[in-house]
Amino acid sequence: MQYTTVGRTGIKVSDLCFGAMSFGGDADEETSKALYNRCLEAGINFFDTADMYSHGRSEEILGKLMKGQREELVIASKVFFPTSKTPNVNERGLSRKHILTSIDASLKRLDTDYIDFYILHYFDPTTDIELTLRTLDDLQKQGKILYSGVSNWAAWQIMDALGISERELLSRFTAFANKLGVSPATLAVAWAKSHPAVTAPIIGARNLAQLEDSLAAADFEMTPELRAEISSLSLAPEPTTGRSEEKTLGQFGVGQK
């Protein structure tokens, strides 16, 4: 396993991150423990979860598993969605009220004093983003979080890309992986890991067999030529605003001297 620095934070993480969404759901506690231990054995020190995964059970299980190893690990969790099965009207979104309530609940479930990366799980059009950012800044000053980030923003673009992938990319990609004699999961993770903007792809698994395919990506050699060939299997995504003129970067002064 190789290790890389997250941006300019100075924090070094394994170049694979395990997503614990299955903990407490598809993976019971025994299976979760087996997955966690296999990740440690492989050299993974980066684990991603969220307060809403299995209504908080993912965080609880991860908290139990990492007991006595907290300082060796880098933990990411998320906030936005409700965690209870019958949430009240304020148990969602990125309001100061919800974030402050959620961070304390996550810290308790994880049995830790801080979260390394606290992620806004979705965009909230009903809350002033400045208020959300000030709340995150307060949490950082209090030492409850070290860094913040976002996930699933510009969701429509992601859905468009997924639609294209489901119709065209998946069958072609699987056939290409089979031709190379490698698991599609291994190839997909290796492709994502090779992108210069990606620190560590988040891998997930419901069982050890699935995990092994993803772990194999850590040692898979992704050459520039192979990456280009894989990338050519899918259509390029539309620009973020859907405006075709964005495809001509010069019209926006990008790349011009």
C-alpha atoms as a PDB file:
ATOM      1  CA  MET A   1       0.000   0.000   0.000  1.00  0.00           C
ATOM      2  CA  GLN A   2       1.255   3.456  -0.906  1.00  0.00           C
ATOM      3  CA  TYR A   3       0.491   6.619   1.067  1.00  0.00           C
ATOM      4  CA  THR A   4      -0.228  10.123  -0.163  1.00  0.00           C
ATOM      5  CA  THR A   5      -0.884  13.535   1.342  1.00  0.00           C
ATOM      6  CA  VAL A   6      -4.425  14.945   1.284  1.00  0.00           C
ATOM      7  CA  GLY A   7      -4.092  18.230  -0.553  1.00  0.00           C
ATOM      8  CA  ARG A   8      -1.906  20.549   1.508  1.00  0.00           C
ATOM      9  CA  THR A   9      -3.145  19.312   4.886  1.00  0.00           C
ATOM     10  CA  GLY A  10      -0.009  17.326   5.668  1.00  0.00           C
ATOM     11  CA  ILE A  11      -2.181  14.308   6.563  1.00  0.00           C
ATOM     12  CA  LYS A  12      -0.948  11.115   4.941  1.00  0.00           C
ATOM     13  CA  VAL A  13      -3.497   8.484   3.958  1.00  0.00           C
ATOM     14  CA  SER A  14      -3.418   5.153   2.176  1.00  0.00           C
ATOM     15  CA  ASP A  15      -4.127   5.526  -1.519  1.00  0.00           C
ATOM     16  CA  LEU A  16      -7.262   3.467  -0.979  1.00  0.00           C
ATOM     17  CA  CYS A  17      -9.976   4.587   1.444  1.00  0.00           C
ATOM     18  CA  PHE A  18     -12.513   2.079   2.778  1.00  0.00           C
ATOM     19  CA  GLY A  19     -16.147   3.204   2.727  1.00  0.00           C
ATOM     20  CA  ALA A  20     -17.956   1.728   5.733  1.00  0.00           C
ATOM     21  CA  MET A  21     -21.472   2.218   4.373  1.00  0.00           C
ATOM     22  CA  SER A  22     -22.071  -1.537   4.575  1.00  0.00           C
ATOM     23  CA  PHE A  23     -21.293  -1.668   8.305  1.00  0.00           C
ATOM     24  CA  GLY A  24     -24.480  -2.446  10.197  1.00  0.00           C
ATOM     25  CA  GLY A  25     -26.383  -2.994   6.957  1.00  0.00           C
ATOM     26  CA  ASP A  26     -25.235  -5.503   4.335  1.00  0.00           C
ATOM     27  CA  ALA A  27     -22.354  -6.376   6.658  1.00  0.00           C
ATOM     28  CA  ASP A  28     -23.233  -7.469  10.193  1.00  0.00           C
ATOM     29  CA  GLU A  29     -20.819  -6.808  13.066  1.00  0.00           C
ATOM     30  CA  GLU A  30     -18.843 -10.007  12.487  1.00  0.00           C
ATOM     31  CA  THR A  31     -18.461  -9.325   8.766  1.00  0.00           C
ATOM     32  CA  SER A  32     -17.666  -5.661   9.450  1.00  0.00           C
ATOM     33  CA  LYS A  33     -14.869  -6.726  11.795  1.00  0.00           C
ATOM     34  CA  ALA A  34     -13.447  -9.071   9.160  1.00  0.00           C
ATOM     35  CA  LEU A  35     -13.547  -6.307   6.538  1.00  0.00           C
ATOM     36  CA  TYR A  36     -11.945  -3.804   8.915  1.00  0.00           C
ATOM     37  CA  ASN A  37      -9.139  -6.155   9.919  1.00  0.00           C
ATOM     38  CA  ARG A  38      -8.428  -7.089   6.308  1.00  0.00           C
ATOM     39  CA  CYS A  39      -8.162  -3.391   5.450  1.00  0.00           C
ATOM     40  CA  LEU A  40      -5.660  -2.831   8.271  1.00  0.00           C
ATOM     41  CA  GLU A  41      -3.706  -5.869   7.116  1.00  0.00           C
ATOM     42  CA  ALA A  42      -3.575  -4.388   3.616  1.00  0.00           C
ATOM     43  CA  GLY A  43      -2.250  -1.097   4.993  1.00  0.00           C
ATOM     44  CA  ILE A  44      -5.415   1.034   4.765  1.00  0.00           C
ATOM     45  CA  ASN A  45      -5.534   3.799   7.374  1.00  0.00           C
ATOM     46  CA  PHE A  46      -8.352   5.877   5.820  1.00  0.00           C
ATOM     47  CA  PHE A  47     -12.006   5.051   6.610  1.00  0.00           C
ATOM     48  CA  ASP A  48     -15.113   6.875   5.408  1.00  0.00           C
ATOM     49  CA  THR A  49     -18.561   6.720   6.993  1.00  0.00           C
ATOM     50  CA  ALA A  50     -21.636   8.915   7.513  1.00  0.00           C
ATOM     51  CA  ASP A  51     -24.101   9.496  10.325  1.00  0.00           C
ATOM     52  CA  MET A  52     -27.004   8.259   8.204  1.00  0.00           C
ATOM     53  CA  TYR A  53     -25.414   4.955   7.163  1.00  0.00           C
ATOM     54  CA  SER A  54     -27.603   2.243   8.735  1.00  0.00           C
ATOM     55  CA  HIS A  55     -29.137   4.935  10.959  1.00  0.00           C
ATOM     56  CA  GLY A  56     -25.870   5.506  12.811  1.00  0.00           C
ATOM     57  CA  ARG A  57     -24.852   1.853  13.146  1.00  0.00           C
ATOM     58  CA  SER A  58     -21.960   2.287  10.716  1.00  0.00           C
ATOM     59  CA  GLU A  59     -20.378   4.912  12.956  1.00  0.00           C
ATOM     60  CA  GLU A  60     -21.048   2.843  16.077  1.00  0.00           C
ATOM     61  CA  ILE A  61     -19.427  -0.281  14.648  1.00  0.00           C
ATOM     62  CA  LEU A  62     -16.445   1.639  13.276  1.00  0.00           C
ATOM     63  CA  GLY A  63     -16.037   3.298  16.672  1.00  0.00           C
ATOM     64  CA  LYS A  64     -15.849  -0.085  18.396  1.00  0.00           C
ATOM     65  CA  LEU A  65     -13.448  -1.512  15.835  1.00  0.00           C
ATOM     66  CA  MET A  66     -10.970   1.353  15.958  1.00  0.00           C
ATOM     67  CA  LYS A  67     -10.783   1.453  19.756  1.00  0.00           C
ATOM     68  CA  GLY A  68      -7.144   1.744  20.796  1.00  0.00           C
ATOM     69  CA  GLN A  69      -6.095   2.586  17.216  1.00  0.00           C
ATOM     70  CA  ARG A  70      -7.680   6.007  16.759  1.00  0.00           C
ATOM     71  CA  GLU A  71      -4.469   7.994  16.313  1.00  0.00           C
ATOM     72  CA  GLU A  72      -3.270   5.579  13.649  1.00  0.00           C
ATOM     73  CA  LEU A  73      -6.365   6.216  11.521  1.00  0.00           C
ATOM     74  CA  VAL A  74      -7.869   8.999   9.439  1.00  0.00           C
ATOM     75  CA  ILE A  75     -11.655   9.131   9.725  1.00  0.00           C
ATOM     76  CA  ALA A  76     -14.185  10.916   7.514  1.00  0.00           C
ATOM     77  CA  SER A  77     -17.886  11.241   8.282  1.00  0.00           C
ATOM     78  CA  LYS A  78     -20.764  13.235   6.851  1.00  0.00           C
ATOM     79  CA  VAL A  79     -23.770  15.352   7.803  1.00  0.00           C
ATOM     80  CA  PHE A  80     -27.036  16.256   6.071  1.00  0.00           C
ATOM     81  CA  PHE A  81     -29.522  13.409   6.142  1.00  0.00           C
ATOM     82  CA  PRO A  82     -31.571  12.315   9.173  1.00  0.00           C
ATOM     83  CA  THR A  83     -30.337   9.337  11.150  1.00  0.00           C
ATOM     84  CA  SER A  84     -33.524   8.278  12.929  1.00  0.00           C
ATOM     85  CA  LYS A  85     -36.305   6.305  11.253  1.00  0.00           C
ATOM     86  CA  THR A  86     -38.859   8.958  12.263  1.00  0.00           C
ATOM     87  CA  PRO A  87     -36.950  12.255  12.006  1.00  0.00           C
ATOM     88  CA  ASN A  88     -38.306  15.599  13.117  1.00  0.00           C
ATOM     89  CA  VAL A  89     -38.488  18.516  10.686  1.00  0.00           C
ATOM     90  CA  ASN A  90     -35.095  19.921  11.729  1.00  0.00           C
ATOM     91  CA  GLU A  91     -33.213  16.618  11.606  1.00  0.00           C
ATOM     92  CA  ARG A  92     -31.779  17.216   8.154  1.00  0.00           C
ATOM     93  CA  GLY A  93     -29.940  19.800   6.078  1.00  0.00           C
ATOM     94  CA  LEU A  94     -27.018  22.067   6.835  1.00  0.00           C
ATOM     95  CA  SER A  95     -28.517  24.443   9.383  1.00  0.00           C
ATOM     96  CA  ARG A  96     -26.387  25.374  12.375  1.00  0.00           C
ATOM     97  CA  LYS A  97     -28.865  23.544  14.610  1.00  0.00           C
ATOM     98  CA  HIS A  98     -28.626  20.283  12.700  1.00  0.00           C
ATOM     99  CA  ILE A  99     -24.858  20.368  12.266  1.00  0.00           C
ATOM    100  CA  LEU A 100     -24.185  21.061  15.951  1.00  0.00           C
ATOM    101  CA  THR A 101     -26.537  18.283  17.001  1.00  0.00           C
ATOM    102  CA  SER A 102     -25.139  15.865  14.429  1.00  0.00           C
ATOM    103  CA  ILE A 103     -21.450  16.377  15.185  1.00  0.00           C
ATOM    104  CA  ASP A 104     -21.932  15.565  18.871  1.00  0.00           C
ATOM    105  CA  ALA A 105     -23.957  12.467  18.008  1.00  0.00           C
ATOM    106  CA  SER A 106     -21.315  11.299  15.503  1.00  0.00           C
ATOM    107  CA  LEU A 107     -18.486  11.826  18.000  1.00  0.00           C
ATOM    108  CA  LYS A 108     -20.378   9.792  20.569  1.00  0.00           C
ATOM    109  CA  ARG A 109     -21.087   6.932  18.142  1.00  0.00           C
ATOM    110  CA  LEU A 110     -17.492   6.905  16.902  1.00  0.00           C
ATOM    111  CA  ASP A 111     -16.237   7.150  20.493  1.00  0.00           C
ATOM    112  CA  THR A 112     -13.700   9.814  19.537  1.00  0.00           C
ATOM    113  CA  ASP A 113     -12.965  13.451  20.358  1.00  0.00           C
ATOM    114  CA  TYR A 114     -12.601  14.592  16.762  1.00  0.00           C
ATOM    115  CA  ILE A 115     -13.273  13.720  13.122  1.00  0.00           C
ATOM    116  CA  ASP A 116     -10.468  14.273  10.630  1.00  0.00           C
ATOM    117  CA  PHE A 117     -12.672  15.149   7.638  1.00  0.00           C
ATOM    118  CA  TYR A 118     -16.257  16.272   8.199  1.00  0.00           C
ATOM    119  CA  ILE A 119     -18.170  16.226   4.924  1.00  0.00           C
ATOM    120  CA  LEU A 120     -21.342  18.059   3.903  1.00  0.00           C
ATOM    121  CA  HIS A 121     -23.222  15.106   2.464  1.00  0.00           C
ATOM    122  CA  TYR A 122     -25.530  17.077   0.175  1.00  0.00           C
ATOM    123  CA  PHE A 123     -26.263  20.634  -0.919  1.00  0.00           C
ATOM    124  CA  ASP A 124     -28.898  22.480   1.123  1.00  0.00           C
ATOM    125  CA  PRO A 125     -30.700  25.209  -0.893  1.00  0.00           C
ATOM    126  CA  THR A 126     -32.668  26.307   2.192  1.00  0.00           C
ATOM    127  CA  THR A 127     -29.664  27.348   4.293  1.00  0.00           C
ATOM    128  CA  ASP A 128     -27.311  30.282   3.743  1.00  0.00           C
ATOM    129  CA  ILE A 129     -23.990  28.671   2.835  1.00  0.00           C
ATOM    130  CA  GLU A 130     -22.132  31.335   4.823  1.00  0.00           C
ATOM    131  CA  LEU A 131     -23.965  30.211   7.951  1.00  0.00           C
ATOM    132  CA  THR A 132     -22.994  26.604   7.257  1.00  0.00           C
ATOM    133  CA  LEU A 133     -19.352  27.546   6.727  1.00  0.00           C
ATOM    134  CA  ARG A 134     -19.253  29.613   9.912  1.00  0.00           C
ATOM    135  CA  THR A 135     -20.615  26.623  11.814  1.00  0.00           C
ATOM    136  CA  LEU A 136     -17.888  24.386  10.380  1.00  0.00           C
ATOM    137  CA  ASP A 137     -15.309  27.015  11.281  1.00  0.00           C
ATOM    138  CA  ASP A 138     -16.587  26.987  14.868  1.00  0.00           C
ATOM    139  CA  LEU A 139     -16.302  23.195  15.002  1.00  0.00           C
ATOM    140  CA  GLN A 140     -12.746  23.430  13.722  1.00  0.00           C
ATOM    141  CA  LYS A 141     -11.852  25.999  16.394  1.00  0.00           C
ATOM    142  CA  GLN A 142     -13.385  23.731  19.042  1.00  0.00           C
ATOM    143  CA  GLY A 143     -11.221  20.842  17.825  1.00  0.00           C
ATOM    144  CA  LYS A 144     -14.208  18.662  16.971  1.00  0.00           C
ATOM    145  CA  ILE A 145     -13.212  18.507  13.298  1.00  0.00           C
ATOM    146  CA  LEU A 146      -9.869  19.037  11.591  1.00  0.00           C
ATOM    147  CA  TYR A 147     -11.036  19.701   8.035  1.00  0.00           C
ATOM    148  CA  SER A 148     -14.308  19.957   6.130  1.00  0.00           C
ATOM    149  CA  GLY A 149     -15.406  19.050   2.625  1.00  0.00           C
ATOM    150  CA  VAL A 150     -18.415  18.422   0.393  1.00  0.00           C
ATOM    151  CA  SER A 151     -20.031  15.406  -1.234  1.00  0.00           C
ATOM    152  CA  ASN A 152     -22.808  15.049  -3.811  1.00  0.00           C
ATOM    153  CA  TRP A 153     -22.956  18.708  -4.745  1.00  0.00           C
ATOM    154  CA  ALA A 154     -24.157  19.376  -8.309  1.00  0.00           C
ATOM    155  CA  ALA A 155     -26.073  16.119  -7.983  1.00  0.00           C
ATOM    156  CA  TRP A 156     -27.829  16.478 -11.364  1.00  0.00           C
ATOM    157  CA  GLN A 157     -24.501  16.236 -13.123  1.00  0.00           C
ATOM    158  CA  ILE A 158     -23.640  13.078 -11.233  1.00  0.00           C
ATOM    159  CA  MET A 159     -27.001  11.561 -12.178  1.00  0.00           C
ATOM    160  CA  ASP A 160     -26.436  12.436 -15.829  1.00  0.00           C
ATOM    161  CA  ALA A 161     -23.042  10.751 -15.731  1.00  0.00           C
ATOM    162  CA  LEU A 162     -24.501   7.693 -14.019  1.00  0.00           C
ATOM    163  CA  GLY A 163     -27.222   7.483 -16.665  1.00  0.00           C
ATOM    164  CA  ILE A 164     -24.630   7.460 -19.428  1.00  0.00           C
ATOM    165  CA  SER A 165     -22.583   4.890 -17.564  1.00  0.00           C
ATOM    166  CA  GLU A 166     -25.535   2.552 -17.056  1.00  0.00           C
ATOM    167  CA  ARG A 167     -26.534   2.681 -20.710  1.00  0.00           C
ATOM    168  CA  GLU A 168     -23.104   2.478 -22.347  1.00  0.00           C
ATOM    169  CA  LEU A 169     -20.024   2.500 -20.159  1.00  0.00           C
ATOM    170  CA  LEU A 170     -20.781  -0.553 -17.875  1.00  0.00           C
ATOM    171  CA  SER A 171     -21.108  -3.282 -20.560  1.00  0.00           C
ATOM    172  CA  ARG A 172     -18.179  -1.949 -22.582  1.00  0.00           C
ATOM    173  CA  PHE A 173     -16.043  -1.492 -19.491  1.00  0.00           C
ATOM    174  CA  THR A 174     -16.781  -5.011 -18.227  1.00  0.00           C
ATOM    175  CA  ALA A 175     -15.906  -6.481 -21.589  1.00  0.00           C
ATOM    176  CA  PHE A 176     -12.675  -4.484 -21.646  1.00  0.00           C
ATOM    177  CA  ALA A 177     -11.736  -5.697 -18.138  1.00  0.00           C
ATOM    178  CA  ASN A 178     -12.454  -9.292 -19.127  1.00  0.00           C
ATOM    179  CA  LYS A 179     -10.219  -8.868 -22.146  1.00  0.00           C
ATOM    180  CA  LEU A 180      -7.393  -7.759 -19.863  1.00  0.00           C
ATOM    181  CA  GLY A 181      -8.073 -10.663 -17.525  1.00  0.00           C
ATOM    182  CA  VAL A 182      -8.724  -8.396 -14.534  1.00  0.00           C
ATOM    183  CA  SER A 183     -11.741  -7.842 -12.306  1.00  0.00           C
ATOM    184  CA  PRO A 184     -13.867  -4.839 -13.382  1.00  0.00           C
ATOM    185  CA  ALA A 185     -13.760  -3.629  -9.757  1.00  0.00           C
ATOM    186  CA  THR A 186      -9.962  -3.740  -9.702  1.00  0.00           C
ATOM    187  CA  LEU A 187      -9.732  -1.871 -12.991  1.00  0.00           C
ATOM    188  CA  ALA A 188     -12.301   0.748 -11.960  1.00  0.00           C
ATOM    189  CA  VAL A 189     -10.569   1.534  -8.667  1.00  0.00           C
ATOM    190  CA  ALA A 190      -7.151   1.605 -10.331  1.00  0.00           C
ATOM    191  CA  TRP A 191      -8.478   4.016 -12.967  1.00  0.00           C
ATOM    192  CA  ALA A 192      -9.907   6.335 -10.316  1.00  0.00           C
ATOM    193  CA  LYS A 193      -6.733   6.113  -8.230  1.00  0.00           C
ATOM    194  CA  SER A 194      -4.592   7.134 -11.205  1.00  0.00           C
ATOM    195  CA  HIS A 195      -6.330  10.494 -11.618  1.00  0.00           C
ATOM    196  CA  PRO A 196      -3.973  13.260 -10.416  1.00  0.00           C
ATOM    197  CA  ALA A 197      -6.791  15.025  -8.557  1.00  0.00           C
ATOM    198  CA  VAL A 198      -7.782  11.940  -6.570  1.00  0.00           C
ATOM    199  CA  THR A 199      -6.096  11.406  -3.203  1.00  0.00           C
ATOM    200  CA  ALA A 200      -7.634   8.041  -2.319  1.00  0.00           C
ATOM    201  CA  PRO A 201     -10.646   6.332  -3.943  1.00  0.00           C
ATOM    202  CA  ILE A 202     -13.228   5.184  -1.402  1.00  0.00           C
ATOM    203  CA  ILE A 203     -13.762   1.458  -1.761  1.00  0.00           C
ATOM    204  CA  GLY A 204     -16.623  -0.474  -0.214  1.00  0.00           C
ATOM    205  CA  ALA A 205     -17.548  -4.121   0.194  1.00  0.00           C
ATOM    206  CA  ARG A 206     -20.319  -6.360   1.485  1.00  0.00           C
ATOM    207  CA  ASN A 207     -17.976  -9.325   1.885  1.00  0.00           C
ATOM    208  CA  LEU A 208     -14.281 -10.240   1.791  1.00  0.00           C
ATOM    209  CA  ALA A 209     -14.395 -11.459  -1.811  1.00  0.00           C
ATOM    210  CA  GLN A 210     -15.523  -8.034  -3.025  1.00  0.00           C
ATOM    211  CA  LEU A 211     -12.916  -6.348  -0.857  1.00  0.00           C
ATOM    212  CA  GLU A 212     -10.079  -8.389  -2.350  1.00  0.00           C
ATOM    213  CA  ASP A 213     -10.916  -7.198  -5.880  1.00  0.00           C
ATOM    214  CA  SER A 214     -10.748  -3.561  -4.756  1.00  0.00           C
ATOM    215  CA  LEU A 215      -7.575  -4.056  -2.720  1.00  0.00           C
ATOM    216  CA  ALA A 216      -5.882  -5.497  -5.808  1.00  0.00           C
ATOM    217  CA  ALA A 217      -6.059  -2.024  -7.342  1.00  0.00           C
ATOM    218  CA  ALA A 218      -3.351  -0.852  -4.940  1.00  0.00           C
ATOM    219  CA  ASP A 219      -0.753  -2.847  -6.897  1.00  0.00           C
ATOM    220  CA  PHE A 220      -2.288  -2.541 -10.375  1.00  0.00           C
ATOM    221  CA  GLU A 221      -0.107  -0.613 -12.814  1.00  0.00           C
ATOM    222  CA  MET A 222      -2.239   1.947 -14.619  1.00  0.00           C
ATOM    223  CA  THR A 223      -0.207   3.319 -17.505  1.00  0.00           C
ATOM    224  CA  PRO A 224      -1.152   6.612 -19.198  1.00  0.00           C
ATOM    225  CA  GLU A 225      -1.981   4.661 -22.351  1.00  0.00           C
ATOM    226  CA  LEU A 226      -4.281   2.245 -20.521  1.00  0.00           C
ATOM    227  CA  ARG A 227      -5.973   5.073 -18.658  1.00  0.00           C
ATOM    228  CA  ALA A 228      -6.652   6.902 -21.916  1.00  0.00           C
ATOM    229  CA  GLU A 229      -8.084   3.746 -23.479  1.00  0.00           C
ATOM    230  CA  ILE A 230     -10.409   3.201 -20.507  1.00  0.00           C
ATOM    231  CA  SER A 231     -11.481   6.848 -20.519  1.00  0.00           C
ATOM    232  CA  SER A 232     -12.408   6.623 -24.176  1.00  0.00           C
ATOM    233  CA  LEU A 233     -15.029   3.983 -23.365  1.00  0.00           C
ATOM    234  CA  SER A 234     -17.425   6.618 -22.003  1.00  0.00           C
ATOM    235  CA  LEU A 235     -18.714   9.920 -23.247  1.00  0.00           C
ATOM    236  CA  ALA A 236     -17.311  13.109 -21.735  1.00  0.00           C
ATOM    237  CA  PRO A 237     -19.733  14.609 -19.165  1.00  0.00           C
ATOM    238  CA  GLU A 238     -21.570  17.796 -19.980  1.00  0.00           C
ATOM    239  CA  PRO A 239     -20.278  21.071 -18.456  1.00  0.00           C
ATOM    240  CA  THR A 240     -21.527  21.858 -14.963  1.00  0.00           C
ATOM    241  CA  THR A 241     -24.060  24.483 -16.102  1.00  0.00           C
ATOM    242  CA  GLY A 242     -25.230  22.552 -19.140  1.00  0.00           C
ATOM    243  CA  ARG A 243     -24.151  25.438 -21.386  1.00  0.00           C
ATOM    244  CA  SER A 244     -22.415  24.149 -24.486  1.00  0.00           C
ATOM    245  CA  GLU A 245     -20.203  27.244 -24.777  1.00  0.00           C
ATOM    246  CA  GLU A 246     -18.318  26.069 -21.672  1.00  0.00           C
ATOM    247  CA  LYS A 247     -16.767  23.437 -23.892  1.00  0.00           C
ATOM    248  CA  THR A 248     -14.833  26.256 -25.569  1.00  0.00           C
ATOM    249  CA  LEU A 249     -12.675  27.331 -22.668  1.00  0.00           C
ATOM    250  CA  GLY A 250     -11.306  30.353 -24.481  1.00  0.00           C
ATOM    251  CA  GLN A 251     -14.702  32.061 -24.366  1.00  0.00           C
ATOM    252  CA  PHE A 252     -14.340  32.249 -20.581  1.00  0.00           C
ATOM    253  CA  GLY A 253     -10.732  33.395 -20.607  1.00  0.00           C
ATOM    254  CA  VAL A 254      -9.481  29.978 -19.541  1.00  0.00           C
ATOM    255  CA  GLY A 255      -6.164  29.047 -21.054  1.00  0.00           C
ATOM    256  CA  GLN A 256      -5.727  32.441 -22.681  1.00  0.00           C
ATOM    257  CA  LYS A 257      -2.537  34.434 -22.133  1.00  0.00           C
END
